N, C-alpha and C. Protein backbone atom coordinates (compact mmCIF):
# COMPACT_ATOMS: atom_id res chain seq x y z
N PHE A 1 0.83 -1.19 0.00
CA PHE A 1 0.00 0.00 0.00
C PHE A 1 0.87 1.25 0.00
N ALA A 2 1.86 1.27 0.89
CA ALA A 2 2.73 2.44 1.02
C ALA A 2 3.46 2.75 -0.29
N GLU A 3 3.88 1.72 -1.01
CA GLU A 3 4.65 1.91 -2.24
C GLU A 3 3.80 2.34 -3.43
N ASN A 4 2.58 1.87 -3.51
CA ASN A 4 1.79 2.09 -4.72
C ASN A 4 0.51 2.89 -4.54
N CYS A 5 -0.11 2.79 -3.39
CA CYS A 5 -1.44 3.37 -3.22
C CYS A 5 -1.45 4.70 -2.46
N ALA A 6 -0.51 4.83 -1.51
CA ALA A 6 -0.50 6.00 -0.64
C ALA A 6 -0.29 7.31 -1.39
N VAL A 7 0.33 7.27 -2.53
CA VAL A 7 0.55 8.49 -3.31
C VAL A 7 -0.78 9.19 -3.60
N CYS A 8 -1.80 8.42 -3.91
CA CYS A 8 -3.11 8.99 -4.22
C CYS A 8 -4.10 8.90 -3.05
N HIS A 9 -4.04 7.80 -2.31
CA HIS A 9 -5.03 7.56 -1.26
C HIS A 9 -4.57 8.01 0.12
N GLY A 10 -3.34 8.46 0.26
CA GLY A 10 -2.81 8.92 1.54
C GLY A 10 -2.25 7.78 2.37
N ASP A 11 -1.34 8.11 3.26
CA ASP A 11 -0.68 7.10 4.10
C ASP A 11 -1.66 6.29 4.93
N ALA A 12 -2.73 6.91 5.37
CA ALA A 12 -3.71 6.23 6.22
C ALA A 12 -5.03 6.00 5.48
N GLY A 13 -5.00 6.11 4.15
CA GLY A 13 -6.22 5.89 3.37
C GLY A 13 -7.21 7.03 3.44
N GLN A 14 -6.74 8.22 3.82
CA GLN A 14 -7.64 9.36 3.99
C GLN A 14 -8.10 9.97 2.66
N GLY A 15 -7.46 9.60 1.56
CA GLY A 15 -7.85 10.10 0.24
C GLY A 15 -7.21 11.43 -0.09
N ASN A 16 -7.25 11.76 -1.37
CA ASN A 16 -6.71 13.03 -1.87
C ASN A 16 -7.49 13.38 -3.13
N ARG A 17 -8.47 14.23 -3.00
CA ARG A 17 -9.33 14.59 -4.14
C ARG A 17 -8.58 15.30 -5.25
N GLU A 18 -7.50 16.01 -4.89
CA GLU A 18 -6.73 16.75 -5.90
C GLU A 18 -6.17 15.82 -6.98
N VAL A 19 -5.87 14.58 -6.62
CA VAL A 19 -5.32 13.64 -7.59
C VAL A 19 -6.29 12.51 -7.92
N GLY A 20 -7.53 12.59 -7.42
CA GLY A 20 -8.55 11.60 -7.71
C GLY A 20 -8.51 10.38 -6.82
N GLY A 21 -7.79 10.45 -5.70
CA GLY A 21 -7.69 9.31 -4.77
C GLY A 21 -8.84 9.31 -3.78
N ALA A 22 -9.68 8.29 -3.87
CA ALA A 22 -10.83 8.18 -2.97
C ALA A 22 -10.39 7.90 -1.54
N LYS A 23 -11.23 8.27 -0.60
CA LYS A 23 -11.00 7.96 0.80
C LYS A 23 -11.28 6.47 1.01
N LEU A 24 -10.28 5.74 1.49
CA LEU A 24 -10.43 4.31 1.72
C LEU A 24 -10.72 3.99 3.18
N ALA A 25 -10.37 4.91 4.06
CA ALA A 25 -10.61 4.72 5.50
C ALA A 25 -12.04 5.14 5.81
N ALA A 26 -12.96 4.36 5.27
CA ALA A 26 -14.38 4.66 5.43
C ALA A 26 -15.15 3.35 5.53
N ARG A 27 -16.30 3.40 6.13
CA ARG A 27 -17.12 2.19 6.26
C ARG A 27 -17.81 1.82 4.95
N THR A 28 -17.99 2.78 4.07
CA THR A 28 -18.62 2.50 2.79
C THR A 28 -17.73 2.97 1.66
N HIS A 29 -17.72 2.20 0.60
CA HIS A 29 -16.96 2.54 -0.59
C HIS A 29 -17.91 2.56 -1.78
N LEU A 30 -17.59 3.37 -2.74
CA LEU A 30 -18.47 3.60 -3.88
C LEU A 30 -18.85 2.32 -4.62
N HIS A 31 -17.92 1.40 -4.77
CA HIS A 31 -18.18 0.21 -5.57
C HIS A 31 -18.27 -1.07 -4.74
N GLY A 32 -18.53 -0.94 -3.44
CA GLY A 32 -18.72 -2.10 -2.58
C GLY A 32 -17.70 -2.17 -1.47
N ASP A 33 -18.08 -2.80 -0.37
CA ASP A 33 -17.26 -2.80 0.83
C ASP A 33 -16.66 -4.15 1.19
N ASP A 34 -17.13 -5.22 0.57
CA ASP A 34 -16.57 -6.52 0.94
C ASP A 34 -15.26 -6.76 0.20
N ARG A 35 -14.56 -7.79 0.60
CA ARG A 35 -13.23 -8.06 0.02
C ARG A 35 -13.30 -8.29 -1.47
N ALA A 36 -14.32 -8.98 -1.93
CA ALA A 36 -14.44 -9.26 -3.37
C ALA A 36 -14.60 -7.97 -4.17
N ALA A 37 -15.40 -7.06 -3.68
CA ALA A 37 -15.60 -5.78 -4.37
C ALA A 37 -14.33 -4.95 -4.39
N ILE A 38 -13.60 -4.97 -3.29
CA ILE A 38 -12.34 -4.22 -3.22
C ILE A 38 -11.33 -4.81 -4.19
N MET A 39 -11.23 -6.14 -4.22
CA MET A 39 -10.29 -6.78 -5.14
C MET A 39 -10.67 -6.50 -6.59
N THR A 40 -11.95 -6.49 -6.89
CA THR A 40 -12.40 -6.17 -8.25
C THR A 40 -11.99 -4.75 -8.62
N GLN A 41 -12.12 -3.82 -7.70
CA GLN A 41 -11.74 -2.44 -7.97
C GLN A 41 -10.23 -2.32 -8.21
N ILE A 42 -9.43 -3.08 -7.49
CA ILE A 42 -7.98 -3.05 -7.69
C ILE A 42 -7.62 -3.64 -9.05
N ASN A 43 -8.28 -4.73 -9.43
CA ASN A 43 -7.98 -5.41 -10.70
C ASN A 43 -8.58 -4.74 -11.92
N ASN A 44 -9.76 -4.14 -11.76
CA ASN A 44 -10.49 -3.56 -12.89
C ASN A 44 -11.19 -2.29 -12.42
N PRO A 45 -10.43 -1.21 -12.23
CA PRO A 45 -10.99 0.01 -11.64
C PRO A 45 -12.13 0.60 -12.47
N HIS A 46 -13.11 1.15 -11.78
CA HIS A 46 -14.26 1.79 -12.43
C HIS A 46 -14.00 3.27 -12.71
N MET A 47 -12.97 3.80 -12.11
CA MET A 47 -12.67 5.23 -12.28
C MET A 47 -11.57 5.39 -13.33
N GLY A 48 -11.53 6.53 -13.98
CA GLY A 48 -10.54 6.77 -15.01
C GLY A 48 -9.17 7.12 -14.49
N VAL A 49 -9.03 7.41 -13.20
CA VAL A 49 -7.76 7.86 -12.63
C VAL A 49 -6.93 6.70 -12.13
N MET A 50 -7.56 5.73 -11.50
CA MET A 50 -6.83 4.63 -10.88
C MET A 50 -6.35 3.63 -11.94
N PRO A 51 -5.07 3.25 -11.87
CA PRO A 51 -4.56 2.28 -12.84
C PRO A 51 -5.06 0.87 -12.53
N ASN A 52 -4.94 0.01 -13.51
CA ASN A 52 -5.26 -1.40 -13.37
C ASN A 52 -4.06 -2.08 -12.73
N TRP A 53 -4.19 -2.52 -11.49
CA TRP A 53 -3.04 -3.04 -10.75
C TRP A 53 -2.74 -4.50 -11.04
N ASN A 54 -3.62 -5.25 -11.67
CA ASN A 54 -3.32 -6.66 -11.90
C ASN A 54 -2.21 -6.86 -12.92
N ALA A 55 -1.87 -5.84 -13.65
CA ALA A 55 -0.75 -5.92 -14.59
C ALA A 55 0.55 -5.46 -13.92
N ARG A 56 0.46 -4.92 -12.72
CA ARG A 56 1.63 -4.37 -12.04
C ARG A 56 2.00 -5.10 -10.76
N LEU A 57 1.01 -5.71 -10.11
CA LEU A 57 1.23 -6.41 -8.84
C LEU A 57 0.84 -7.88 -9.00
N ASP A 58 1.56 -8.76 -8.31
CA ASP A 58 1.17 -10.17 -8.35
C ASP A 58 -0.04 -10.40 -7.45
N LEU A 59 -0.63 -11.58 -7.56
CA LEU A 59 -1.86 -11.89 -6.85
C LEU A 59 -1.68 -11.79 -5.33
N ALA A 60 -0.55 -12.22 -4.82
CA ALA A 60 -0.32 -12.14 -3.36
C ALA A 60 -0.34 -10.70 -2.88
N LYS A 61 0.27 -9.79 -3.62
CA LYS A 61 0.28 -8.38 -3.23
C LYS A 61 -1.10 -7.77 -3.35
N ILE A 62 -1.84 -8.16 -4.37
CA ILE A 62 -3.20 -7.65 -4.54
C ILE A 62 -4.08 -8.12 -3.37
N LYS A 63 -3.93 -9.37 -2.97
CA LYS A 63 -4.69 -9.87 -1.82
C LYS A 63 -4.31 -9.12 -0.55
N SER A 64 -3.04 -8.85 -0.39
CA SER A 64 -2.56 -8.12 0.79
C SER A 64 -3.14 -6.71 0.84
N VAL A 65 -3.11 -6.02 -0.30
CA VAL A 65 -3.68 -4.67 -0.37
C VAL A 65 -5.19 -4.73 -0.13
N THR A 66 -5.85 -5.73 -0.68
CA THR A 66 -7.29 -5.90 -0.46
C THR A 66 -7.62 -6.03 1.02
N LEU A 67 -6.89 -6.88 1.71
CA LEU A 67 -7.13 -7.07 3.15
C LEU A 67 -6.86 -5.78 3.92
N TYR A 68 -5.82 -5.07 3.54
CA TYR A 68 -5.50 -3.81 4.22
C TYR A 68 -6.60 -2.78 4.00
N VAL A 69 -7.02 -2.59 2.77
CA VAL A 69 -8.07 -1.60 2.48
C VAL A 69 -9.36 -2.01 3.18
N HIS A 70 -9.68 -3.28 3.19
CA HIS A 70 -10.88 -3.77 3.88
C HIS A 70 -10.80 -3.44 5.36
N SER A 71 -9.62 -3.58 5.95
CA SER A 71 -9.46 -3.29 7.38
C SER A 71 -9.60 -1.79 7.68
N LEU A 72 -9.26 -0.95 6.72
CA LEU A 72 -9.39 0.50 6.92
C LEU A 72 -10.84 0.89 7.14
N GLY A 73 -11.75 0.15 6.55
CA GLY A 73 -13.18 0.44 6.70
C GLY A 73 -13.81 -0.30 7.87
N GLY A 74 -12.99 -0.95 8.67
CA GLY A 74 -13.52 -1.66 9.82
C GLY A 74 -13.78 -3.13 9.57
N GLY A 75 -13.51 -3.61 8.36
CA GLY A 75 -13.72 -5.02 8.04
C GLY A 75 -12.71 -5.90 8.75
N GLU A 76 -13.09 -7.13 8.98
CA GLU A 76 -12.21 -8.09 9.65
C GLU A 76 -12.02 -9.30 8.78
C-alpha cells in the first residue's frame, strides 16, 4: 500500500481529491465494501484515474492490499 497506493489515497487511506484518490478509510466505498468488491476495484478500476493493478502487482500483493483496504473500513 505504502509503495503504490498512498501516493493517491494517503498514508492512512484518507484520500486526496486533488489527484482523484478516494478515501479508503471509510465504512462505505463507492463500488462495494466486501473483500471481493475491493479486489475487483484493484484489478479492474471503475474510475478513469486509478490504474489497473493486476498488470503491475502479483496476486499475493493484490490480496494483501485488499485485506489492508478492507481493514481501513472496519472489516475483519
